PDBML (XML) file of the C-alpha atoms, coordinates in Angstrom:
<?xml version="1.0" encoding="UTF-8" ?>
<PDBx:datablock datablockName="MODEL"
   xmlns:PDBx="http://pdbml.pdb.org/schema/pdbx-v50.xsd"
   xmlns:xsi="http://www.w3.org/2001/XMLSchema-instance"
   xsi:schemaLocation="http://pdbml.pdb.org/schema/pdbx-v50.xsd pdbx-v50.xsd">
   <PDBx:atom_siteCategory>
      <PDBx:atom_site id="1">
         <PDBx:B_iso_or_equiv>0.00</PDBx:B_iso_or_equiv>
         <PDBx:Cartn_x>288.521</PDBx:Cartn_x>
         <PDBx:Cartn_y>151.215</PDBx:Cartn_y>
         <PDBx:Cartn_z>50.031</PDBx:Cartn_z>
         <PDBx:auth_asym_id>A</PDBx:auth_asym_id>
         <PDBx:auth_atom_id>CA</PDBx:auth_atom_id>
         <PDBx:auth_comp_id>UNK</PDBx:auth_comp_id>
         <PDBx:auth_seq_id>1</PDBx:auth_seq_id>
         <PDBx:group_PDB>ATOM</PDBx:group_PDB>
         <PDBx:label_alt_id xsi:nil="true" />
         <PDBx:label_asym_id>A</PDBx:label_asym_id>
         <PDBx:label_atom_id>CA</PDBx:label_atom_id>
         <PDBx:label_comp_id>UNK</PDBx:label_comp_id>
         <PDBx:label_entity_id>1</PDBx:label_entity_id>
         <PDBx:label_seq_id>1</PDBx:label_seq_id>
         <PDBx:occupancy>1.00</PDBx:occupancy>
         <PDBx:pdbx_PDB_model_num>1</PDBx:pdbx_PDB_model_num>
         <PDBx:type_symbol>C</PDBx:type_symbol>
      </PDBx:atom_site>
      <PDBx:atom_site id="2">
         <PDBx:B_iso_or_equiv>0.00</PDBx:B_iso_or_equiv>
         <PDBx:Cartn_x>288.862</PDBx:Cartn_x>
         <PDBx:Cartn_y>149.575</PDBx:Cartn_y>
         <PDBx:Cartn_z>46.609</PDBx:Cartn_z>
         <PDBx:auth_asym_id>A</PDBx:auth_asym_id>
         <PDBx:auth_atom_id>CA</PDBx:auth_atom_id>
         <PDBx:auth_comp_id>UNK</PDBx:auth_comp_id>
         <PDBx:auth_seq_id>2</PDBx:auth_seq_id>
         <PDBx:group_PDB>ATOM</PDBx:group_PDB>
         <PDBx:label_alt_id xsi:nil="true" />
         <PDBx:label_asym_id>A</PDBx:label_asym_id>
         <PDBx:label_atom_id>CA</PDBx:label_atom_id>
         <PDBx:label_comp_id>UNK</PDBx:label_comp_id>
         <PDBx:label_entity_id>1</PDBx:label_entity_id>
         <PDBx:label_seq_id>2</PDBx:label_seq_id>
         <PDBx:occupancy>1.00</PDBx:occupancy>
         <PDBx:pdbx_PDB_model_num>1</PDBx:pdbx_PDB_model_num>
         <PDBx:type_symbol>C</PDBx:type_symbol>
      </PDBx:atom_site>
      <PDBx:atom_site id="3">
         <PDBx:B_iso_or_equiv>0.00</PDBx:B_iso_or_equiv>
         <PDBx:Cartn_x>286.289</PDBx:Cartn_x>
         <PDBx:Cartn_y>146.762</PDBx:Cartn_y>
         <PDBx:Cartn_z>46.665</PDBx:Cartn_z>
         <PDBx:auth_asym_id>A</PDBx:auth_asym_id>
         <PDBx:auth_atom_id>CA</PDBx:auth_atom_id>
         <PDBx:auth_comp_id>UNK</PDBx:auth_comp_id>
         <PDBx:auth_seq_id>3</PDBx:auth_seq_id>
         <PDBx:group_PDB>ATOM</PDBx:group_PDB>
         <PDBx:label_alt_id xsi:nil="true" />
         <PDBx:label_asym_id>A</PDBx:label_asym_id>
         <PDBx:label_atom_id>CA</PDBx:label_atom_id>
         <PDBx:label_comp_id>UNK</PDBx:label_comp_id>
         <PDBx:label_entity_id>1</PDBx:label_entity_id>
         <PDBx:label_seq_id>3</PDBx:label_seq_id>
         <PDBx:occupancy>1.00</PDBx:occupancy>
         <PDBx:pdbx_PDB_model_num>1</PDBx:pdbx_PDB_model_num>
         <PDBx:type_symbol>C</PDBx:type_symbol>
      </PDBx:atom_site>
      <PDBx:atom_site id="4">
         <PDBx:B_iso_or_equiv>0.00</PDBx:B_iso_or_equiv>
         <PDBx:Cartn_x>284.083</PDBx:Cartn_x>
         <PDBx:Cartn_y>146.812</PDBx:Cartn_y>
         <PDBx:Cartn_z>43.637</PDBx:Cartn_z>
         <PDBx:auth_asym_id>A</PDBx:auth_asym_id>
         <PDBx:auth_atom_id>CA</PDBx:auth_atom_id>
         <PDBx:auth_comp_id>UNK</PDBx:auth_comp_id>
         <PDBx:auth_seq_id>4</PDBx:auth_seq_id>
         <PDBx:group_PDB>ATOM</PDBx:group_PDB>
         <PDBx:label_alt_id xsi:nil="true" />
         <PDBx:label_asym_id>A</PDBx:label_asym_id>
         <PDBx:label_atom_id>CA</PDBx:label_atom_id>
         <PDBx:label_comp_id>UNK</PDBx:label_comp_id>
         <PDBx:label_entity_id>1</PDBx:label_entity_id>
         <PDBx:label_seq_id>4</PDBx:label_seq_id>
         <PDBx:occupancy>1.00</PDBx:occupancy>
         <PDBx:pdbx_PDB_model_num>1</PDBx:pdbx_PDB_model_num>
         <PDBx:type_symbol>C</PDBx:type_symbol>
      </PDBx:atom_site>
      <PDBx:atom_site id="5">
         <PDBx:B_iso_or_equiv>0.00</PDBx:B_iso_or_equiv>
         <PDBx:Cartn_x>286.426</PDBx:Cartn_x>
         <PDBx:Cartn_y>149.187</PDBx:Cartn_y>
         <PDBx:Cartn_z>41.769</PDBx:Cartn_z>
         <PDBx:auth_asym_id>A</PDBx:auth_asym_id>
         <PDBx:auth_atom_id>CA</PDBx:auth_atom_id>
         <PDBx:auth_comp_id>UNK</PDBx:auth_comp_id>
         <PDBx:auth_seq_id>5</PDBx:auth_seq_id>
         <PDBx:group_PDB>ATOM</PDBx:group_PDB>
         <PDBx:label_alt_id xsi:nil="true" />
         <PDBx:label_asym_id>A</PDBx:label_asym_id>
         <PDBx:label_atom_id>CA</PDBx:label_atom_id>
         <PDBx:label_comp_id>UNK</PDBx:label_comp_id>
         <PDBx:label_entity_id>1</PDBx:label_entity_id>
         <PDBx:label_seq_id>5</PDBx:label_seq_id>
         <PDBx:occupancy>1.00</PDBx:occupancy>
         <PDBx:pdbx_PDB_model_num>1</PDBx:pdbx_PDB_model_num>
         <PDBx:type_symbol>C</PDBx:type_symbol>
      </PDBx:atom_site>
      <PDBx:atom_site id="6">
         <PDBx:B_iso_or_equiv>0.00</PDBx:B_iso_or_equiv>
         <PDBx:Cartn_x>289.732</PDBx:Cartn_x>
         <PDBx:Cartn_y>147.303</PDBx:Cartn_y>
         <PDBx:Cartn_z>41.466</PDBx:Cartn_z>
         <PDBx:auth_asym_id>A</PDBx:auth_asym_id>
         <PDBx:auth_atom_id>CA</PDBx:auth_atom_id>
         <PDBx:auth_comp_id>UNK</PDBx:auth_comp_id>
         <PDBx:auth_seq_id>6</PDBx:auth_seq_id>
         <PDBx:group_PDB>ATOM</PDBx:group_PDB>
         <PDBx:label_alt_id xsi:nil="true" />
         <PDBx:label_asym_id>A</PDBx:label_asym_id>
         <PDBx:label_atom_id>CA</PDBx:label_atom_id>
         <PDBx:label_comp_id>UNK</PDBx:label_comp_id>
         <PDBx:label_entity_id>1</PDBx:label_entity_id>
         <PDBx:label_seq_id>6</PDBx:label_seq_id>
         <PDBx:occupancy>1.00</PDBx:occupancy>
         <PDBx:pdbx_PDB_model_num>1</PDBx:pdbx_PDB_model_num>
         <PDBx:type_symbol>C</PDBx:type_symbol>
      </PDBx:atom_site>
      <PDBx:atom_site id="7">
         <PDBx:B_iso_or_equiv>0.00</PDBx:B_iso_or_equiv>
         <PDBx:Cartn_x>290.391</PDBx:Cartn_x>
         <PDBx:Cartn_y>143.805</PDBx:Cartn_y>
         <PDBx:Cartn_z>40.216</PDBx:Cartn_z>
         <PDBx:auth_asym_id>A</PDBx:auth_asym_id>
         <PDBx:auth_atom_id>CA</PDBx:auth_atom_id>
         <PDBx:auth_comp_id>UNK</PDBx:auth_comp_id>
         <PDBx:auth_seq_id>7</PDBx:auth_seq_id>
         <PDBx:group_PDB>ATOM</PDBx:group_PDB>
         <PDBx:label_alt_id xsi:nil="true" />
         <PDBx:label_asym_id>A</PDBx:label_asym_id>
         <PDBx:label_atom_id>CA</PDBx:label_atom_id>
         <PDBx:label_comp_id>UNK</PDBx:label_comp_id>
         <PDBx:label_entity_id>1</PDBx:label_entity_id>
         <PDBx:label_seq_id>7</PDBx:label_seq_id>
         <PDBx:occupancy>1.00</PDBx:occupancy>
         <PDBx:pdbx_PDB_model_num>1</PDBx:pdbx_PDB_model_num>
         <PDBx:type_symbol>C</PDBx:type_symbol>
      </PDBx:atom_site>
      <PDBx:atom_site id="8">
         <PDBx:B_iso_or_equiv>0.00</PDBx:B_iso_or_equiv>
         <PDBx:Cartn_x>293.661</PDBx:Cartn_x>
         <PDBx:Cartn_y>141.851</PDBx:Cartn_y>
         <PDBx:Cartn_z>40.666</PDBx:Cartn_z>
         <PDBx:auth_asym_id>A</PDBx:auth_asym_id>
         <PDBx:auth_atom_id>CA</PDBx:auth_atom_id>
         <PDBx:auth_comp_id>UNK</PDBx:auth_comp_id>
         <PDBx:auth_seq_id>8</PDBx:auth_seq_id>
         <PDBx:group_PDB>ATOM</PDBx:group_PDB>
         <PDBx:label_alt_id xsi:nil="true" />
         <PDBx:label_asym_id>A</PDBx:label_asym_id>
         <PDBx:label_atom_id>CA</PDBx:label_atom_id>
         <PDBx:label_comp_id>UNK</PDBx:label_comp_id>
         <PDBx:label_entity_id>1</PDBx:label_entity_id>
         <PDBx:label_seq_id>8</PDBx:label_seq_id>
         <PDBx:occupancy>1.00</PDBx:occupancy>
         <PDBx:pdbx_PDB_model_num>1</PDBx:pdbx_PDB_model_num>
         <PDBx:type_symbol>C</PDBx:type_symbol>
      </PDBx:atom_site>
      <PDBx:atom_site id="9">
         <PDBx:B_iso_or_equiv>0.00</PDBx:B_iso_or_equiv>
         <PDBx:Cartn_x>294.540</PDBx:Cartn_x>
         <PDBx:Cartn_y>139.022</PDBx:Cartn_y>
         <PDBx:Cartn_z>38.273</PDBx:Cartn_z>
         <PDBx:auth_asym_id>A</PDBx:auth_asym_id>
         <PDBx:auth_atom_id>CA</PDBx:auth_atom_id>
         <PDBx:auth_comp_id>UNK</PDBx:auth_comp_id>
         <PDBx:auth_seq_id>9</PDBx:auth_seq_id>
         <PDBx:group_PDB>ATOM</PDBx:group_PDB>
         <PDBx:label_alt_id xsi:nil="true" />
         <PDBx:label_asym_id>A</PDBx:label_asym_id>
         <PDBx:label_atom_id>CA</PDBx:label_atom_id>
         <PDBx:label_comp_id>UNK</PDBx:label_comp_id>
         <PDBx:label_entity_id>1</PDBx:label_entity_id>
         <PDBx:label_seq_id>9</PDBx:label_seq_id>
         <PDBx:occupancy>1.00</PDBx:occupancy>
         <PDBx:pdbx_PDB_model_num>1</PDBx:pdbx_PDB_model_num>
         <PDBx:type_symbol>C</PDBx:type_symbol>
      </PDBx:atom_site>
      <PDBx:atom_site id="10">
         <PDBx:B_iso_or_equiv>0.00</PDBx:B_iso_or_equiv>
         <PDBx:Cartn_x>297.529</PDBx:Cartn_x>
         <PDBx:Cartn_y>137.028</PDBx:Cartn_y>
         <PDBx:Cartn_z>37.185</PDBx:Cartn_z>
         <PDBx:auth_asym_id>A</PDBx:auth_asym_id>
         <PDBx:auth_atom_id>CA</PDBx:auth_atom_id>
         <PDBx:auth_comp_id>UNK</PDBx:auth_comp_id>
         <PDBx:auth_seq_id>10</PDBx:auth_seq_id>
         <PDBx:group_PDB>ATOM</PDBx:group_PDB>
         <PDBx:label_alt_id xsi:nil="true" />
         <PDBx:label_asym_id>A</PDBx:label_asym_id>
         <PDBx:label_atom_id>CA</PDBx:label_atom_id>
         <PDBx:label_comp_id>UNK</PDBx:label_comp_id>
         <PDBx:label_entity_id>1</PDBx:label_entity_id>
         <PDBx:label_seq_id>10</PDBx:label_seq_id>
         <PDBx:occupancy>1.00</PDBx:occupancy>
         <PDBx:pdbx_PDB_model_num>1</PDBx:pdbx_PDB_model_num>
         <PDBx:type_symbol>C</PDBx:type_symbol>
      </PDBx:atom_site>
      <PDBx:atom_site id="11">
         <PDBx:B_iso_or_equiv>0.00</PDBx:B_iso_or_equiv>
         <PDBx:Cartn_x>298.842</PDBx:Cartn_x>
         <PDBx:Cartn_y>135.414</PDBx:Cartn_y>
         <PDBx:Cartn_z>34.048</PDBx:Cartn_z>
         <PDBx:auth_asym_id>A</PDBx:auth_asym_id>
         <PDBx:auth_atom_id>CA</PDBx:auth_atom_id>
         <PDBx:auth_comp_id>UNK</PDBx:auth_comp_id>
         <PDBx:auth_seq_id>11</PDBx:auth_seq_id>
         <PDBx:group_PDB>ATOM</PDBx:group_PDB>
         <PDBx:label_alt_id xsi:nil="true" />
         <PDBx:label_asym_id>A</PDBx:label_asym_id>
         <PDBx:label_atom_id>CA</PDBx:label_atom_id>
         <PDBx:label_comp_id>UNK</PDBx:label_comp_id>
         <PDBx:label_entity_id>1</PDBx:label_entity_id>
         <PDBx:label_seq_id>11</PDBx:label_seq_id>
         <PDBx:occupancy>1.00</PDBx:occupancy>
         <PDBx:pdbx_PDB_model_num>1</PDBx:pdbx_PDB_model_num>
         <PDBx:type_symbol>C</PDBx:type_symbol>
      </PDBx:atom_site>
      <PDBx:atom_site id="12">
         <PDBx:B_iso_or_equiv>0.00</PDBx:B_iso_or_equiv>
         <PDBx:Cartn_x>301.118</PDBx:Cartn_x>
         <PDBx:Cartn_y>132.584</PDBx:Cartn_y>
         <PDBx:Cartn_z>35.114</PDBx:Cartn_z>
         <PDBx:auth_asym_id>A</PDBx:auth_asym_id>
         <PDBx:auth_atom_id>CA</PDBx:auth_atom_id>
         <PDBx:auth_comp_id>UNK</PDBx:auth_comp_id>
         <PDBx:auth_seq_id>12</PDBx:auth_seq_id>
         <PDBx:group_PDB>ATOM</PDBx:group_PDB>
         <PDBx:label_alt_id xsi:nil="true" />
         <PDBx:label_asym_id>A</PDBx:label_asym_id>
         <PDBx:label_atom_id>CA</PDBx:label_atom_id>
         <PDBx:label_comp_id>UNK</PDBx:label_comp_id>
         <PDBx:label_entity_id>1</PDBx:label_entity_id>
         <PDBx:label_seq_id>12</PDBx:label_seq_id>
         <PDBx:occupancy>1.00</PDBx:occupancy>
         <PDBx:pdbx_PDB_model_num>1</PDBx:pdbx_PDB_model_num>
         <PDBx:type_symbol>C</PDBx:type_symbol>
      </PDBx:atom_site>
      <PDBx:atom_site id="13">
         <PDBx:B_iso_or_equiv>0.00</PDBx:B_iso_or_equiv>
         <PDBx:Cartn_x>302.137</PDBx:Cartn_x>
         <PDBx:Cartn_y>131.848</PDBx:Cartn_y>
         <PDBx:Cartn_z>31.480</PDBx:Cartn_z>
         <PDBx:auth_asym_id>A</PDBx:auth_asym_id>
         <PDBx:auth_atom_id>CA</PDBx:auth_atom_id>
         <PDBx:auth_comp_id>UNK</PDBx:auth_comp_id>
         <PDBx:auth_seq_id>13</PDBx:auth_seq_id>
         <PDBx:group_PDB>ATOM</PDBx:group_PDB>
         <PDBx:label_alt_id xsi:nil="true" />
         <PDBx:label_asym_id>A</PDBx:label_asym_id>
         <PDBx:label_atom_id>CA</PDBx:label_atom_id>
         <PDBx:label_comp_id>UNK</PDBx:label_comp_id>
         <PDBx:label_entity_id>1</PDBx:label_entity_id>
         <PDBx:label_seq_id>13</PDBx:label_seq_id>
         <PDBx:occupancy>1.00</PDBx:occupancy>
         <PDBx:pdbx_PDB_model_num>1</PDBx:pdbx_PDB_model_num>
         <PDBx:type_symbol>C</PDBx:type_symbol>
      </PDBx:atom_site>
      <PDBx:atom_site id="14">
         <PDBx:B_iso_or_equiv>0.00</PDBx:B_iso_or_equiv>
         <PDBx:Cartn_x>303.515</PDBx:Cartn_x>
         <PDBx:Cartn_y>135.395</PDBx:Cartn_y>
         <PDBx:Cartn_z>31.279</PDBx:Cartn_z>
         <PDBx:auth_asym_id>A</PDBx:auth_asym_id>
         <PDBx:auth_atom_id>CA</PDBx:auth_atom_id>
         <PDBx:auth_comp_id>UNK</PDBx:auth_comp_id>
         <PDBx:auth_seq_id>14</PDBx:auth_seq_id>
         <PDBx:group_PDB>ATOM</PDBx:group_PDB>
         <PDBx:label_alt_id xsi:nil="true" />
         <PDBx:label_asym_id>A</PDBx:label_asym_id>
         <PDBx:label_atom_id>CA</PDBx:label_atom_id>
         <PDBx:label_comp_id>UNK</PDBx:label_comp_id>
         <PDBx:label_entity_id>1</PDBx:label_entity_id>
         <PDBx:label_seq_id>14</PDBx:label_seq_id>
         <PDBx:occupancy>1.00</PDBx:occupancy>
         <PDBx:pdbx_PDB_model_num>1</PDBx:pdbx_PDB_model_num>
         <PDBx:type_symbol>C</PDBx:type_symbol>
      </PDBx:atom_site>
      <PDBx:atom_site id="15">
         <PDBx:B_iso_or_equiv>0.00</PDBx:B_iso_or_equiv>
         <PDBx:Cartn_x>304.754</PDBx:Cartn_x>
         <PDBx:Cartn_y>135.703</PDBx:Cartn_y>
         <PDBx:Cartn_z>34.871</PDBx:Cartn_z>
         <PDBx:auth_asym_id>A</PDBx:auth_asym_id>
         <PDBx:auth_atom_id>CA</PDBx:auth_atom_id>
         <PDBx:auth_comp_id>UNK</PDBx:auth_comp_id>
         <PDBx:auth_seq_id>15</PDBx:auth_seq_id>
         <PDBx:group_PDB>ATOM</PDBx:group_PDB>
         <PDBx:label_alt_id xsi:nil="true" />
         <PDBx:label_asym_id>A</PDBx:label_asym_id>
         <PDBx:label_atom_id>CA</PDBx:label_atom_id>
         <PDBx:label_comp_id>UNK</PDBx:label_comp_id>
         <PDBx:label_entity_id>1</PDBx:label_entity_id>
         <PDBx:label_seq_id>15</PDBx:label_seq_id>
         <PDBx:occupancy>1.00</PDBx:occupancy>
         <PDBx:pdbx_PDB_model_num>1</PDBx:pdbx_PDB_model_num>
         <PDBx:type_symbol>C</PDBx:type_symbol>
      </PDBx:atom_site>
      <PDBx:atom_site id="16">
         <PDBx:B_iso_or_equiv>0.00</PDBx:B_iso_or_equiv>
         <PDBx:Cartn_x>302.704</PDBx:Cartn_x>
         <PDBx:Cartn_y>138.890</PDBx:Cartn_y>
         <PDBx:Cartn_z>35.113</PDBx:Cartn_z>
         <PDBx:auth_asym_id>A</PDBx:auth_asym_id>
         <PDBx:auth_atom_id>CA</PDBx:auth_atom_id>
         <PDBx:auth_comp_id>UNK</PDBx:auth_comp_id>
         <PDBx:auth_seq_id>16</PDBx:auth_seq_id>
         <PDBx:group_PDB>ATOM</PDBx:group_PDB>
         <PDBx:label_alt_id xsi:nil="true" />
         <PDBx:label_asym_id>A</PDBx:label_asym_id>
         <PDBx:label_atom_id>CA</PDBx:label_atom_id>
         <PDBx:label_comp_id>UNK</PDBx:label_comp_id>
         <PDBx:label_entity_id>1</PDBx:label_entity_id>
         <PDBx:label_seq_id>16</PDBx:label_seq_id>
         <PDBx:occupancy>1.00</PDBx:occupancy>
         <PDBx:pdbx_PDB_model_num>1</PDBx:pdbx_PDB_model_num>
         <PDBx:type_symbol>C</PDBx:type_symbol>
      </PDBx:atom_site>
      <PDBx:atom_site id="17">
         <PDBx:B_iso_or_equiv>0.00</PDBx:B_iso_or_equiv>
         <PDBx:Cartn_x>300.397</PDBx:Cartn_x>
         <PDBx:Cartn_y>140.349</PDBx:Cartn_y>
         <PDBx:Cartn_z>37.705</PDBx:Cartn_z>
         <PDBx:auth_asym_id>A</PDBx:auth_asym_id>
         <PDBx:auth_atom_id>CA</PDBx:auth_atom_id>
         <PDBx:auth_comp_id>UNK</PDBx:auth_comp_id>
         <PDBx:auth_seq_id>17</PDBx:auth_seq_id>
         <PDBx:group_PDB>ATOM</PDBx:group_PDB>
         <PDBx:label_alt_id xsi:nil="true" />
         <PDBx:label_asym_id>A</PDBx:label_asym_id>
         <PDBx:label_atom_id>CA</PDBx:label_atom_id>
         <PDBx:label_comp_id>UNK</PDBx:label_comp_id>
         <PDBx:label_entity_id>1</PDBx:label_entity_id>
         <PDBx:label_seq_id>17</PDBx:label_seq_id>
         <PDBx:occupancy>1.00</PDBx:occupancy>
         <PDBx:pdbx_PDB_model_num>1</PDBx:pdbx_PDB_model_num>
         <PDBx:type_symbol>C</PDBx:type_symbol>
      </PDBx:atom_site>
      <PDBx:atom_site id="18">
         <PDBx:B_iso_or_equiv>0.00</PDBx:B_iso_or_equiv>
         <PDBx:Cartn_x>297.713</PDBx:Cartn_x>
         <PDBx:Cartn_y>142.928</PDBx:Cartn_y>
         <PDBx:Cartn_z>36.880</PDBx:Cartn_z>
         <PDBx:auth_asym_id>A</PDBx:auth_asym_id>
         <PDBx:auth_atom_id>CA</PDBx:auth_atom_id>
         <PDBx:auth_comp_id>UNK</PDBx:auth_comp_id>
         <PDBx:auth_seq_id>18</PDBx:auth_seq_id>
         <PDBx:group_PDB>ATOM</PDBx:group_PDB>
         <PDBx:label_alt_id xsi:nil="true" />
         <PDBx:label_asym_id>A</PDBx:label_asym_id>
         <PDBx:label_atom_id>CA</PDBx:label_atom_id>
         <PDBx:label_comp_id>UNK</PDBx:label_comp_id>
         <PDBx:label_entity_id>1</PDBx:label_entity_id>
         <PDBx:label_seq_id>18</PDBx:label_seq_id>
         <PDBx:occupancy>1.00</PDBx:occupancy>
         <PDBx:pdbx_PDB_model_num>1</PDBx:pdbx_PDB_model_num>
         <PDBx:type_symbol>C</PDBx:type_symbol>
      </PDBx:atom_site>
      <PDBx:atom_site id="19">
         <PDBx:B_iso_or_equiv>0.00</PDBx:B_iso_or_equiv>
         <PDBx:Cartn_x>295.576</PDBx:Cartn_x>
         <PDBx:Cartn_y>145.460</PDBx:Cartn_y>
         <PDBx:Cartn_z>38.657</PDBx:Cartn_z>
         <PDBx:auth_asym_id>A</PDBx:auth_asym_id>
         <PDBx:auth_atom_id>CA</PDBx:auth_atom_id>
         <PDBx:auth_comp_id>UNK</PDBx:auth_comp_id>
         <PDBx:auth_seq_id>19</PDBx:auth_seq_id>
         <PDBx:group_PDB>ATOM</PDBx:group_PDB>
         <PDBx:label_alt_id xsi:nil="true" />
         <PDBx:label_asym_id>A</PDBx:label_asym_id>
         <PDBx:label_atom_id>CA</PDBx:label_atom_id>
         <PDBx:label_comp_id>UNK</PDBx:label_comp_id>
         <PDBx:label_entity_id>1</PDBx:label_entity_id>
         <PDBx:label_seq_id>19</PDBx:label_seq_id>
         <PDBx:occupancy>1.00</PDBx:occupancy>
         <PDBx:pdbx_PDB_model_num>1</PDBx:pdbx_PDB_model_num>
         <PDBx:type_symbol>C</PDBx:type_symbol>
      </PDBx:atom_site>
      <PDBx:atom_site id="20">
         <PDBx:B_iso_or_equiv>0.00</PDBx:B_iso_or_equiv>
         <PDBx:Cartn_x>292.558</PDBx:Cartn_x>
         <PDBx:Cartn_y>146.830</PDBx:Cartn_y>
         <PDBx:Cartn_z>36.823</PDBx:Cartn_z>
         <PDBx:auth_asym_id>A</PDBx:auth_asym_id>
         <PDBx:auth_atom_id>CA</PDBx:auth_atom_id>
         <PDBx:auth_comp_id>UNK</PDBx:auth_comp_id>
         <PDBx:auth_seq_id>20</PDBx:auth_seq_id>
         <PDBx:group_PDB>ATOM</PDBx:group_PDB>
         <PDBx:label_alt_id xsi:nil="true" />
         <PDBx:label_asym_id>A</PDBx:label_asym_id>
         <PDBx:label_atom_id>CA</PDBx:label_atom_id>
         <PDBx:label_comp_id>UNK</PDBx:label_comp_id>
         <PDBx:label_entity_id>1</PDBx:label_entity_id>
         <PDBx:label_seq_id>20</PDBx:label_seq_id>
         <PDBx:occupancy>1.00</PDBx:occupancy>
         <PDBx:pdbx_PDB_model_num>1</PDBx:pdbx_PDB_model_num>
         <PDBx:type_symbol>C</PDBx:type_symbol>
      </PDBx:atom_site>
      <PDBx:atom_site id="21">
         <PDBx:B_iso_or_equiv>0.00</PDBx:B_iso_or_equiv>
         <PDBx:Cartn_x>291.526</PDBx:Cartn_x>
         <PDBx:Cartn_y>150.067</PDBx:Cartn_y>
         <PDBx:Cartn_z>38.448</PDBx:Cartn_z>
         <PDBx:auth_asym_id>A</PDBx:auth_asym_id>
         <PDBx:auth_atom_id>CA</PDBx:auth_atom_id>
         <PDBx:auth_comp_id>UNK</PDBx:auth_comp_id>
         <PDBx:auth_seq_id>21</PDBx:auth_seq_id>
         <PDBx:group_PDB>ATOM</PDBx:group_PDB>
         <PDBx:label_alt_id xsi:nil="true" />
         <PDBx:label_asym_id>A</PDBx:label_asym_id>
         <PDBx:label_atom_id>CA</PDBx:label_atom_id>
         <PDBx:label_comp_id>UNK</PDBx:label_comp_id>
         <PDBx:label_entity_id>1</PDBx:label_entity_id>
         <PDBx:label_seq_id>21</PDBx:label_seq_id>
         <PDBx:occupancy>1.00</PDBx:occupancy>
         <PDBx:pdbx_PDB_model_num>1</PDBx:pdbx_PDB_model_num>
         <PDBx:type_symbol>C</PDBx:type_symbol>
      </PDBx:atom_site>
      <PDBx:atom_site id="22">
         <PDBx:B_iso_or_equiv>0.00</PDBx:B_iso_or_equiv>
         <PDBx:Cartn_x>288.132</PDBx:Cartn_x>
         <PDBx:Cartn_y>151.558</PDBx:Cartn_y>
         <PDBx:Cartn_z>37.582</PDBx:Cartn_z>
         <PDBx:auth_asym_id>A</PDBx:auth_asym_id>
         <PDBx:auth_atom_id>CA</PDBx:auth_atom_id>
         <PDBx:auth_comp_id>UNK</PDBx:auth_comp_id>
         <PDBx:auth_seq_id>22</PDBx:auth_seq_id>
         <PDBx:group_PDB>ATOM</PDBx:group_PDB>
         <PDBx:label_alt_id xsi:nil="true" />
         <PDBx:label_asym_id>A</PDBx:label_asym_id>
         <PDBx:label_atom_id>CA</PDBx:label_atom_id>
         <PDBx:label_comp_id>UNK</PDBx:label_comp_id>
         <PDBx:label_entity_id>1</PDBx:label_entity_id>
         <PDBx:label_seq_id>22</PDBx:label_seq_id>
         <PDBx:occupancy>1.00</PDBx:occupancy>
         <PDBx:pdbx_PDB_model_num>1</PDBx:pdbx_PDB_model_num>
         <PDBx:type_symbol>C</PDBx:type_symbol>
      </PDBx:atom_site>
      <PDBx:atom_site id="23">
         <PDBx:B_iso_or_equiv>0.00</PDBx:B_iso_or_equiv>
         <PDBx:Cartn_x>286.139</PDBx:Cartn_x>
         <PDBx:Cartn_y>154.505</PDBx:Cartn_y>
         <PDBx:Cartn_z>38.966</PDBx:Cartn_z>
         <PDBx:auth_asym_id>A</PDBx:auth_asym_id>
         <PDBx:auth_atom_id>CA</PDBx:auth_atom_id>
         <PDBx:auth_comp_id>UNK</PDBx:auth_comp_id>
         <PDBx:auth_seq_id>23</PDBx:auth_seq_id>
         <PDBx:group_PDB>ATOM</PDBx:group_PDB>
         <PDBx:label_alt_id xsi:nil="true" />
         <PDBx:label_asym_id>A</PDBx:label_asym_id>
         <PDBx:label_atom_id>CA</PDBx:label_atom_id>
         <PDBx:label_comp_id>UNK</PDBx:label_comp_id>
         <PDBx:label_entity_id>1</PDBx:label_entity_id>
         <PDBx:label_seq_id>23</PDBx:label_seq_id>
         <PDBx:occupancy>1.00</PDBx:occupancy>
         <PDBx:pdbx_PDB_model_num>1</PDBx:pdbx_PDB_model_num>
         <PDBx:type_symbol>C</PDBx:type_symbol>
      </PDBx:atom_site>
      <PDBx:atom_site id="24">
         <PDBx:B_iso_or_equiv>0.00</PDBx:B_iso_or_equiv>
         <PDBx:Cartn_x>289.380</PDBx:Cartn_x>
         <PDBx:Cartn_y>156.057</PDBx:Cartn_y>
         <PDBx:Cartn_z>40.194</PDBx:Cartn_z>
         <PDBx:auth_asym_id>A</PDBx:auth_asym_id>
         <PDBx:auth_atom_id>CA</PDBx:auth_atom_id>
         <PDBx:auth_comp_id>UNK</PDBx:auth_comp_id>
         <PDBx:auth_seq_id>24</PDBx:auth_seq_id>
         <PDBx:group_PDB>ATOM</PDBx:group_PDB>
         <PDBx:label_alt_id xsi:nil="true" />
         <PDBx:label_asym_id>A</PDBx:label_asym_id>
         <PDBx:label_atom_id>CA</PDBx:label_atom_id>
         <PDBx:label_comp_id>UNK</PDBx:label_comp_id>
         <PDBx:label_entity_id>1</PDBx:label_entity_id>
         <PDBx:label_seq_id>24</PDBx:label_seq_id>
         <PDBx:occupancy>1.00</PDBx:occupancy>
         <PDBx:pdbx_PDB_model_num>1</PDBx:pdbx_PDB_model_num>
         <PDBx:type_symbol>C</PDBx:type_symbol>
      </PDBx:atom_site>
   </PDBx:atom_siteCategory>
</PDBx:datablock>
């Protein structure tokens, strides 16, 4: 349901996980 619209990423130096959500 989110393929092509959402992108998960991580920054291990900052111990942080992200979720970029487009075309909501």
